[in-house]
Amino acid sequence: MDFGFGKIIFMEMVWNKIKAGLVQLIKTKWVKRVGIFVLAVLFLAIVFDQVLMPFFVRLGQESVVPNLTGLTQEEAETILKDKGLGLRVIGEEYDLKRPAGTIIYQMPDSASKVKRGRKIKVVLSKGGEKATVPQLKGMTYRQAELALANRGLKIGNPVYVSVDSLLRDEVIASFPSAGTVVPLGMEIRVLVNQEQTDALEIVKVPKFKGDNIREVSSKIEKLGLKLGKIEYKVKNKLLPGTVLKQIPKEGAEVRKGSIVELEVSTTD
């Protein structure tokens, strides 16, 4: 029994020395450095897994939107395909600066970052808006200028000729001619008479606005004038066939045989 008790005391003494040695070992600089290195490796592994890896994954799924303005639809589709993107035309608009069929707007804007596979929305140009040259023959230069302005066109410097049988300042012809479809804002040139014959009968244009088209048509015929182009405009609050606008205007003096153009109301 005494031997066993002494053995236990000896083992306790050895264990205490081992513990003291371990404590002293932990306190050494080498173990501290190893511990700091292990902690640093663990920290970097967490950062890479939670921050850097998702960033690189997203980077591979994104593309930078190129500038498509001014390109045709086919050209834009080719460029976008190389970047893993698509194209969607959402509309067309008149644009004097861009040829028909080219892109005038895009969404999102160029340099934006989007996911691969996304379709870029674009609006194509329809070119310059069109207008039809009205009948100017028989009008005065001023009347022709107003008639063109009403259609978004401009009148050019007149070319004067002398025709004894026509009124002074009367438009003889236009270039392009009446009925021609031209770009909005185009300048129309006119041939104007600079002579006047006193023997010609002059007619003072009455007020047609507010009257019914049938009554106005009869009045025009009785005055020795001719009914020209009639444009219809929806006006649900007015009776159908009500004259809204006239060219020449009320009070204008024209020769017999001159053309009168009207704007008349209609319903849906």
C-alpha atoms as a PDB file:
ATOM      1  CA  MET A   1       0.000   0.000   0.000  1.00  0.00           C
ATOM      2  CA  ASP A   2       2.835   2.397   0.830  1.00  0.00           C
ATOM      3  CA  PHE A   3       4.428   1.672  -2.568  1.00  0.00           C
ATOM      4  CA  GLY A   4       1.203   2.385  -4.427  1.00  0.00           C
ATOM      5  CA  PHE A   5       0.686   5.676  -2.628  1.00  0.00           C
ATOM      6  CA  GLY A   6       4.227   6.773  -3.426  1.00  0.00           C
ATOM      7  CA  LYS A   7       3.727   5.917  -7.124  1.00  0.00           C
ATOM      8  CA  ILE A   8       0.664   8.135  -7.282  1.00  0.00           C
ATOM      9  CA  ILE A   9       2.566  11.006  -5.721  1.00  0.00           C
ATOM     10  CA  PHE A  10       5.378  10.530  -8.248  1.00  0.00           C
ATOM     11  CA  MET A  11       2.951  10.607 -11.224  1.00  0.00           C
ATOM     12  CA  GLU A  12       1.349  13.783  -9.939  1.00  0.00           C
ATOM     13  CA  MET A  13       4.767  15.394  -9.713  1.00  0.00           C
ATOM     14  CA  VAL A  14       5.550  14.401 -13.350  1.00  0.00           C
ATOM     15  CA  TRP A  15       2.175  15.725 -14.620  1.00  0.00           C
ATOM     16  CA  ASN A  16       2.686  19.013 -12.888  1.00  0.00           C
ATOM     17  CA  LYS A  17       6.098  19.397 -14.528  1.00  0.00           C
ATOM     18  CA  ILE A  18       4.559  18.558 -17.985  1.00  0.00           C
ATOM     19  CA  LYS A  19       1.825  21.169 -17.468  1.00  0.00           C
ATOM     20  CA  ALA A  20       4.370  23.748 -16.470  1.00  0.00           C
ATOM     21  CA  GLY A  21       6.393  22.950 -19.589  1.00  0.00           C
ATOM     22  CA  LEU A  22       3.311  23.303 -21.881  1.00  0.00           C
ATOM     23  CA  VAL A  23       2.409  26.648 -20.375  1.00  0.00           C
ATOM     24  CA  GLN A  24       5.964  27.828 -20.892  1.00  0.00           C
ATOM     25  CA  LEU A  25       5.867  26.532 -24.512  1.00  0.00           C
ATOM     26  CA  ILE A  26       2.680  28.436 -25.307  1.00  0.00           C
ATOM     27  CA  LYS A  27       4.347  31.587 -24.056  1.00  0.00           C
ATOM     28  CA  THR A  28       7.202  31.275 -26.549  1.00  0.00           C
ATOM     29  CA  LYS A  29       7.337  33.582 -29.681  1.00  0.00           C
ATOM     30  CA  TRP A  30       7.387  30.647 -32.102  1.00  0.00           C
ATOM     31  CA  VAL A  31       4.020  29.336 -31.001  1.00  0.00           C
ATOM     32  CA  LYS A  32       2.547  32.865 -31.109  1.00  0.00           C
ATOM     33  CA  ARG A  33       3.763  33.306 -34.674  1.00  0.00           C
ATOM     34  CA  VAL A  34       2.297  29.970 -35.755  1.00  0.00           C
ATOM     35  CA  GLY A  35      -1.024  30.907 -34.167  1.00  0.00           C
ATOM     36  CA  ILE A  36      -1.147  34.311 -35.888  1.00  0.00           C
ATOM     37  CA  PHE A  37      -0.322  32.693 -39.236  1.00  0.00           C
ATOM     38  CA  VAL A  38      -3.102  30.115 -38.831  1.00  0.00           C
ATOM     39  CA  LEU A  39      -5.608  32.832 -37.918  1.00  0.00           C
ATOM     40  CA  ALA A  40      -4.534  34.960 -40.922  1.00  0.00           C
ATOM     41  CA  VAL A  41      -4.986  32.010 -43.297  1.00  0.00           C
ATOM     42  CA  LEU A  42      -8.443  31.321 -41.898  1.00  0.00           C
ATOM     43  CA  PHE A  43      -9.422  35.025 -42.258  1.00  0.00           C
ATOM     44  CA  LEU A  44      -8.249  35.225 -45.895  1.00  0.00           C
ATOM     45  CA  ALA A  45     -10.086  32.006 -46.723  1.00  0.00           C
ATOM     46  CA  ILE A  46     -13.323  33.478 -45.341  1.00  0.00           C
ATOM     47  CA  VAL A  47     -12.844  36.766 -47.263  1.00  0.00           C
ATOM     48  CA  PHE A  48     -12.160  34.929 -50.527  1.00  0.00           C
ATOM     49  CA  ASP A  49     -15.170  32.645 -50.101  1.00  0.00           C
ATOM     50  CA  GLN A  50     -17.664  35.320 -49.031  1.00  0.00           C
ATOM     51  CA  VAL A  51     -16.474  38.412 -50.972  1.00  0.00           C
ATOM     52  CA  LEU A  52     -13.995  37.782 -53.785  1.00  0.00           C
ATOM     53  CA  MET A  53     -15.500  34.586 -55.173  1.00  0.00           C
ATOM     54  CA  PRO A  54     -19.050  36.036 -55.591  1.00  0.00           C
ATOM     55  CA  PHE A  55     -17.542  39.168 -57.184  1.00  0.00           C
ATOM     56  CA  PHE A  56     -15.650  37.170 -59.813  1.00  0.00           C
ATOM     57  CA  VAL A  57     -18.692  35.005 -60.459  1.00  0.00           C
ATOM     58  CA  ARG A  58     -20.863  38.109 -61.047  1.00  0.00           C
ATOM     59  CA  LEU A  59     -18.130  39.675 -63.199  1.00  0.00           C
ATOM     60  CA  GLY A  60     -18.244  36.738 -65.549  1.00  0.00           C
ATOM     61  CA  GLN A  61     -22.034  37.096 -65.850  1.00  0.00           C
ATOM     62  CA  GLU A  62     -22.014  40.838 -66.742  1.00  0.00           C
ATOM     63  CA  SER A  63     -21.370  42.766 -69.953  1.00  0.00           C
ATOM     64  CA  VAL A  64     -20.783  46.448 -70.665  1.00  0.00           C
ATOM     65  CA  VAL A  65     -23.443  47.931 -72.966  1.00  0.00           C
ATOM     66  CA  PRO A  66     -21.861  49.421 -76.131  1.00  0.00           C
ATOM     67  CA  ASN A  67     -22.972  52.659 -77.802  1.00  0.00           C
ATOM     68  CA  LEU A  68     -25.531  51.718 -80.476  1.00  0.00           C
ATOM     69  CA  THR A  69     -26.623  55.224 -81.549  1.00  0.00           C
ATOM     70  CA  GLY A  70     -26.407  55.702 -85.306  1.00  0.00           C
ATOM     71  CA  LEU A  71     -26.049  51.982 -86.077  1.00  0.00           C
ATOM     72  CA  THR A  72     -28.506  49.965 -88.133  1.00  0.00           C
ATOM     73  CA  GLN A  73     -30.456  47.189 -86.461  1.00  0.00           C
ATOM     74  CA  GLU A  74     -28.285  44.523 -88.122  1.00  0.00           C
ATOM     75  CA  GLU A  75     -25.030  46.200 -87.061  1.00  0.00           C
ATOM     76  CA  ALA A  76     -26.228  46.547 -83.465  1.00  0.00           C
ATOM     77  CA  GLU A  77     -27.348  42.909 -83.299  1.00  0.00           C
ATOM     78  CA  THR A  78     -23.910  41.727 -84.452  1.00  0.00           C
ATOM     79  CA  ILE A  79     -22.077  43.805 -81.827  1.00  0.00           C
ATOM     80  CA  LEU A  80     -24.427  42.791 -79.015  1.00  0.00           C
ATOM     81  CA  LYS A  81     -24.193  39.107 -79.915  1.00  0.00           C
ATOM     82  CA  ASP A  82     -20.426  39.202 -79.383  1.00  0.00           C
ATOM     83  CA  LYS A  83     -21.072  40.533 -75.873  1.00  0.00           C
ATOM     84  CA  GLY A  84     -23.694  37.954 -75.037  1.00  0.00           C
ATOM     85  CA  LEU A  85     -26.554  40.471 -75.319  1.00  0.00           C
ATOM     86  CA  GLY A  86     -29.655  40.772 -77.462  1.00  0.00           C
ATOM     87  CA  LEU A  87     -31.658  43.549 -79.173  1.00  0.00           C
ATOM     88  CA  ARG A  88     -35.304  44.548 -78.934  1.00  0.00           C
ATOM     89  CA  VAL A  89     -36.873  47.280 -81.104  1.00  0.00           C
ATOM     90  CA  ILE A  90     -39.587  49.046 -79.076  1.00  0.00           C
ATOM     91  CA  GLY A  91     -40.600  51.772 -81.523  1.00  0.00           C
ATOM     92  CA  GLU A  92     -39.865  54.161 -84.364  1.00  0.00           C
ATOM     93  CA  GLU A  93     -39.787  57.962 -84.425  1.00  0.00           C
ATOM     94  CA  TYR A  94     -39.243  60.675 -87.013  1.00  0.00           C
ATOM     95  CA  ASP A  95     -35.759  62.169 -86.801  1.00  0.00           C
ATOM     96  CA  LEU A  96     -34.278  64.626 -89.278  1.00  0.00           C
ATOM     97  CA  LYS A  97     -30.711  63.949 -88.096  1.00  0.00           C
ATOM     98  CA  ARG A  98     -30.715  60.154 -88.374  1.00  0.00           C
ATOM     99  CA  PRO A  99     -31.345  58.129 -91.560  1.00  0.00           C
ATOM    100  CA  ALA A 100     -34.321  55.781 -91.533  1.00  0.00           C
ATOM    101  CA  GLY A 101     -33.533  52.429 -89.914  1.00  0.00           C
ATOM    102  CA  THR A 102     -30.754  53.690 -87.624  1.00  0.00           C
ATOM    103  CA  ILE A 103     -30.881  53.752 -83.830  1.00  0.00           C
ATOM    104  CA  ILE A 104     -31.688  57.072 -82.137  1.00  0.00           C
ATOM    105  CA  TYR A 105     -32.229  55.908 -78.523  1.00  0.00           C
ATOM    106  CA  GLN A 106     -31.139  52.943 -76.425  1.00  0.00           C
ATOM    107  CA  MET A 107     -32.009  51.646 -72.961  1.00  0.00           C
ATOM    108  CA  PRO A 108     -29.955  51.169 -70.875  1.00  0.00           C
ATOM    109  CA  ASP A 109     -27.361  53.751 -71.866  1.00  0.00           C
ATOM    110  CA  SER A 110     -23.940  52.852 -73.195  1.00  0.00           C
ATOM    111  CA  ALA A 111     -21.282  51.895 -70.594  1.00  0.00           C
ATOM    112  CA  SER A 112     -23.955  50.431 -68.297  1.00  0.00           C
ATOM    113  CA  LYS A 113     -23.273  46.982 -66.820  1.00  0.00           C
ATOM    114  CA  VAL A 114     -25.979  44.370 -67.360  1.00  0.00           C
ATOM    115  CA  LYS A 115     -26.308  40.602 -67.048  1.00  0.00           C
ATOM    116  CA  ARG A 116     -25.385  38.557 -70.086  1.00  0.00           C
ATOM    117  CA  GLY A 117     -28.392  37.514 -72.101  1.00  0.00           C
ATOM    118  CA  ARG A 118     -30.281  40.753 -71.504  1.00  0.00           C
ATOM    119  CA  LYS A 119     -31.951  42.486 -74.468  1.00  0.00           C
ATOM    120  CA  ILE A 120     -31.091  46.139 -75.069  1.00  0.00           C
ATOM    121  CA  LYS A 121     -34.158  48.199 -76.031  1.00  0.00           C
ATOM    122  CA  VAL A 122     -33.788  50.610 -78.942  1.00  0.00           C
ATOM    123  CA  VAL A 123     -35.872  53.125 -80.921  1.00  0.00           C
ATOM    124  CA  LEU A 124     -35.275  53.341 -84.675  1.00  0.00           C
ATOM    125  CA  SER A 125     -35.429  56.445 -86.841  1.00  0.00           C
ATOM    126  CA  LYS A 126     -38.159  56.769 -89.468  1.00  0.00           C
ATOM    127  CA  GLY A 127     -36.136  59.506 -91.125  1.00  0.00           C
ATOM    128  CA  GLY A 128     -37.534  62.968 -91.614  1.00  0.00           C
ATOM    129  CA  GLU A 129     -41.284  63.360 -91.229  1.00  0.00           C
ATOM    130  CA  LYS A 130     -43.118  63.698 -94.528  1.00  0.00           C
ATOM    131  CA  ALA A 131     -45.573  66.287 -95.868  1.00  0.00           C
ATOM    132  CA  THR A 132     -47.527  66.681 -99.097  1.00  0.00           C
ATOM    133  CA  VAL A 133     -47.059  69.803-101.189  1.00  0.00           C
ATOM    134  CA  PRO A 134     -50.461  71.566-101.449  1.00  0.00           C
ATOM    135  CA  GLN A 135     -51.905  73.099-104.609  1.00  0.00           C
ATOM    136  CA  LEU A 136     -50.442  76.608-104.739  1.00  0.00           C
ATOM    137  CA  LYS A 137     -51.398  77.557-108.278  1.00  0.00           C
ATOM    138  CA  GLY A 138     -53.746  80.565-108.313  1.00  0.00           C
ATOM    139  CA  MET A 139     -52.763  81.761-104.821  1.00  0.00           C
ATOM    140  CA  THR A 140     -50.818  84.904-104.054  1.00  0.00           C
ATOM    141  CA  TYR A 141     -47.256  84.488-102.829  1.00  0.00           C
ATOM    142  CA  ARG A 142     -48.386  85.277 -99.265  1.00  0.00           C
ATOM    143  CA  GLN A 143     -51.248  82.783 -99.413  1.00  0.00           C
ATOM    144  CA  ALA A 144     -48.900  80.121-100.721  1.00  0.00           C
ATOM    145  CA  GLU A 145     -46.499  80.854 -97.868  1.00  0.00           C
ATOM    146  CA  LEU A 146     -49.282  80.336 -95.301  1.00  0.00           C
ATOM    147  CA  ALA A 147     -50.531  77.188 -97.006  1.00  0.00           C
ATOM    148  CA  LEU A 148     -47.052  75.679 -96.886  1.00  0.00           C
ATOM    149  CA  ALA A 149     -46.509  76.730 -93.254  1.00  0.00           C
ATOM    150  CA  ASN A 150     -49.726  74.934 -92.279  1.00  0.00           C
ATOM    151  CA  ARG A 151     -48.144  71.709 -93.557  1.00  0.00           C
ATOM    152  CA  GLY A 152     -44.751  72.259 -91.961  1.00  0.00           C
ATOM    153  CA  LEU A 153     -43.088  73.386 -95.194  1.00  0.00           C
ATOM    154  CA  LYS A 154     -41.238  76.566 -96.168  1.00  0.00           C
ATOM    155  CA  ILE A 155     -41.518  78.793 -99.220  1.00  0.00           C
ATOM    156  CA  GLY A 156     -38.399  79.684-101.164  1.00  0.00           C
ATOM    157  CA  ASN A 157     -37.471  82.884-102.972  1.00  0.00           C
ATOM    158  CA  PRO A 158     -39.906  83.336-105.858  1.00  0.00           C
ATOM    159  CA  VAL A 159     -38.918  83.104-109.499  1.00  0.00           C
ATOM    160  CA  TYR A 160     -40.702  85.950-111.310  1.00  0.00           C
ATOM    161  CA  VAL A 161     -42.106  85.774-114.838  1.00  0.00           C
ATOM    162  CA  SER A 162     -44.464  88.038-116.796  1.00  0.00           C
ATOM    163  CA  VAL A 163     -47.844  86.672-117.893  1.00  0.00           C
ATOM    164  CA  ASP A 164     -50.360  89.319-119.018  1.00  0.00           C
ATOM    165  CA  SER A 165     -53.405  87.123-118.421  1.00  0.00           C
ATOM    166  CA  LEU A 166     -52.659  86.516-114.730  1.00  0.00           C
ATOM    167  CA  LEU A 167     -52.814  88.630-111.587  1.00  0.00           C
ATOM    168  CA  ARG A 168     -49.752  90.267-110.189  1.00  0.00           C
ATOM    169  CA  ASP A 169     -48.106  88.149-107.453  1.00  0.00           C
ATOM    170  CA  GLU A 170     -50.093  85.091-108.512  1.00  0.00           C
ATOM    171  CA  VAL A 171     -48.395  81.702-108.140  1.00  0.00           C
ATOM    172  CA  ILE A 172     -48.156  79.952-111.493  1.00  0.00           C
ATOM    173  CA  ALA A 173     -46.439  76.733-110.401  1.00  0.00           C
ATOM    174  CA  SER A 174     -44.469  75.149-107.573  1.00  0.00           C
ATOM    175  CA  PHE A 175     -41.342  72.996-107.486  1.00  0.00           C
ATOM    176  CA  PRO A 176     -41.904  70.231-106.410  1.00  0.00           C
ATOM    177  CA  SER A 177     -45.433  70.212-107.798  1.00  0.00           C
ATOM    178  CA  ALA A 178     -48.679  69.778-105.835  1.00  0.00           C
ATOM    179  CA  GLY A 179     -49.203  66.283-104.435  1.00  0.00           C
ATOM    180  CA  THR A 180     -45.496  65.483-104.118  1.00  0.00           C
ATOM    181  CA  VAL A 181     -44.480  63.915-100.785  1.00  0.00           C
ATOM    182  CA  VAL A 182     -41.417  65.657 -99.377  1.00  0.00           C
ATOM    183  CA  PRO A 183     -39.512  65.785 -96.041  1.00  0.00           C
ATOM    184  CA  LEU A 184     -41.059  68.008 -93.397  1.00  0.00           C
ATOM    185  CA  GLY A 185     -39.429  71.434 -93.350  1.00  0.00           C
ATOM    186  CA  MET A 186     -38.411  71.332 -97.019  1.00  0.00           C
ATOM    187  CA  GLU A 187     -38.264  74.608 -98.970  1.00  0.00           C
ATOM    188  CA  ILE A 188     -40.718  74.796-101.871  1.00  0.00           C
ATOM    189  CA  ARG A 189     -39.889  77.144-104.757  1.00  0.00           C
ATOM    190  CA  VAL A 190     -42.660  78.945-106.623  1.00  0.00           C
ATOM    191  CA  LEU A 191     -43.054  80.633-109.999  1.00  0.00           C
ATOM    192  CA  VAL A 192     -44.817  83.977-109.516  1.00  0.00           C
ATOM    193  CA  ASN A 193     -46.328  86.438-111.990  1.00  0.00           C
ATOM    194  CA  GLN A 194     -45.132  90.044-111.734  1.00  0.00           C
ATOM    195  CA  GLU A 195     -47.663  91.576-114.173  1.00  0.00           C
ATOM    196  CA  GLN A 196     -51.355  92.354-113.664  1.00  0.00           C
ATOM    197  CA  THR A 197     -54.205  92.750-116.145  1.00  0.00           C
ATOM    198  CA  ASP A 198     -56.960  95.131-115.090  1.00  0.00           C
ATOM    199  CA  ALA A 199     -59.528  93.233-117.137  1.00  0.00           C
ATOM    200  CA  LEU A 200     -59.375  90.198-114.824  1.00  0.00           C
ATOM    201  CA  GLU A 201     -62.316  89.852-112.455  1.00  0.00           C
ATOM    202  CA  ILE A 202     -61.335  89.893-108.802  1.00  0.00           C
ATOM    203  CA  VAL A 203     -63.297  88.011-106.133  1.00  0.00           C
ATOM    204  CA  LYS A 204     -63.236  88.839-102.434  1.00  0.00           C
ATOM    205  CA  VAL A 205     -63.250  85.598-100.441  1.00  0.00           C
ATOM    206  CA  PRO A 206     -66.087  85.510 -97.870  1.00  0.00           C
ATOM    207  CA  LYS A 207     -66.074  83.789 -94.478  1.00  0.00           C
ATOM    208  CA  PHE A 208     -66.694  80.058 -94.752  1.00  0.00           C
ATOM    209  CA  LYS A 209     -65.634  79.092 -91.217  1.00  0.00           C
ATOM    210  CA  GLY A 210     -68.540  77.689 -89.189  1.00  0.00           C
ATOM    211  CA  ASP A 211     -70.704  76.916 -92.222  1.00  0.00           C
ATOM    212  CA  ASN A 212     -71.630  73.483 -93.498  1.00  0.00           C
ATOM    213  CA  ILE A 213     -69.468  72.067 -96.263  1.00  0.00           C
ATOM    214  CA  ARG A 214     -72.456  71.698 -98.605  1.00  0.00           C
ATOM    215  CA  GLU A 215     -73.389  75.358 -98.270  1.00  0.00           C
ATOM    216  CA  VAL A 216     -69.771  76.432 -98.665  1.00  0.00           C
ATOM    217  CA  SER A 217     -69.327  74.282-101.765  1.00  0.00           C
ATOM    218  CA  SER A 218     -72.327  75.976-103.353  1.00  0.00           C
ATOM    219  CA  LYS A 219     -71.043  79.462-102.425  1.00  0.00           C
ATOM    220  CA  ILE A 220     -67.606  78.714-103.877  1.00  0.00           C
ATOM    221  CA  GLU A 221     -69.126  77.633-107.154  1.00  0.00           C
ATOM    222  CA  LYS A 222     -71.357  80.764-107.356  1.00  0.00           C
ATOM    223  CA  LEU A 223     -68.325  83.009-106.754  1.00  0.00           C
ATOM    224  CA  GLY A 224     -66.567  81.468-109.706  1.00  0.00           C
ATOM    225  CA  LEU A 225     -63.985  79.786-107.471  1.00  0.00           C
ATOM    226  CA  LYS A 226     -62.970  76.141-107.338  1.00  0.00           C
ATOM    227  CA  LEU A 227     -63.123  73.800-104.348  1.00  0.00           C
ATOM    228  CA  GLY A 228     -59.723  72.208-103.826  1.00  0.00           C
ATOM    229  CA  LYS A 229     -58.388  69.832-101.199  1.00  0.00           C
ATOM    230  CA  ILE A 230     -60.568  69.075 -98.154  1.00  0.00           C
ATOM    231  CA  GLU A 231     -58.889  67.845 -94.967  1.00  0.00           C
ATOM    232  CA  TYR A 232     -60.986  66.251 -92.226  1.00  0.00           C
ATOM    233  CA  LYS A 233     -60.314  66.681 -88.507  1.00  0.00           C
ATOM    234  CA  VAL A 234     -62.097  64.889 -85.645  1.00  0.00           C
ATOM    235  CA  LYS A 235     -64.241  67.313 -83.637  1.00  0.00           C
ATOM    236  CA  ASN A 236     -66.874  65.380 -81.700  1.00  0.00           C
ATOM    237  CA  LYS A 237     -68.409  68.563 -80.222  1.00  0.00           C
ATOM    238  CA  LEU A 238     -69.234  69.997 -83.664  1.00  0.00           C
ATOM    239  CA  LEU A 239     -71.662  68.856 -86.308  1.00  0.00           C
ATOM    240  CA  PRO A 240     -69.960  66.762 -88.992  1.00  0.00           C
ATOM    241  CA  GLY A 241     -69.164  68.816 -92.066  1.00  0.00           C
ATOM    242  CA  THR A 242     -68.506  72.100 -90.255  1.00  0.00           C
ATOM    243  CA  VAL A 243     -65.780  74.213 -91.878  1.00  0.00           C
ATOM    244  CA  LEU A 244     -62.909  74.792 -89.418  1.00  0.00           C
ATOM    245  CA  LYS A 245     -60.350  76.556 -91.610  1.00  0.00           C
ATOM    246  CA  GLN A 246     -60.118  78.015 -95.098  1.00  0.00           C
ATOM    247  CA  ILE A 247     -57.377  78.972 -97.548  1.00  0.00           C
ATOM    248  CA  PRO A 248     -57.434  81.727 -98.806  1.00  0.00           C
ATOM    249  CA  LYS A 249     -58.607  83.451 -95.640  1.00  0.00           C
ATOM    250  CA  GLU A 250     -61.685  85.634 -95.332  1.00  0.00           C
ATOM    251  CA  GLY A 251     -61.232  88.974 -97.095  1.00  0.00           C
ATOM    252  CA  ALA A 252     -58.487  87.824 -99.460  1.00  0.00           C
ATOM    253  CA  GLU A 253     -58.798  89.089-103.040  1.00  0.00           C
ATOM    254  CA  VAL A 254     -58.269  86.445-105.692  1.00  0.00           C
ATOM    255  CA  ARG A 255     -59.171  86.106-109.330  1.00  0.00           C
ATOM    256  CA  LYS A 256     -62.033  83.961-110.537  1.00  0.00           C
ATOM    257  CA  GLY A 257     -61.088  80.346-110.931  1.00  0.00           C
ATOM    258  CA  SER A 258     -58.799  80.369-107.870  1.00  0.00           C
ATOM    259  CA  ILE A 259     -58.778  77.287-105.621  1.00  0.00           C
ATOM    260  CA  VAL A 260     -60.198  77.281-102.090  1.00  0.00           C
ATOM    261  CA  GLU A 261     -58.966  74.618 -99.639  1.00  0.00           C
ATOM    262  CA  LEU A 262     -60.921  73.696 -96.522  1.00  0.00           C
ATOM    263  CA  GLU A 263     -60.515  71.887 -93.200  1.00  0.00           C
ATOM    264  CA  VAL A 264     -63.789  70.215 -92.167  1.00  0.00           C
ATOM    265  CA  SER A 265     -64.942  68.541 -88.949  1.00  0.00           C
ATOM    266  CA  THR A 266     -65.820  64.863 -88.670  1.00  0.00           C
ATOM    267  CA  THR A 267     -66.570  62.376 -85.868  1.00  0.00           C
ATOM    268  CA  ASP A 268     -64.882  59.174 -84.745  1.00  0.00           C
END
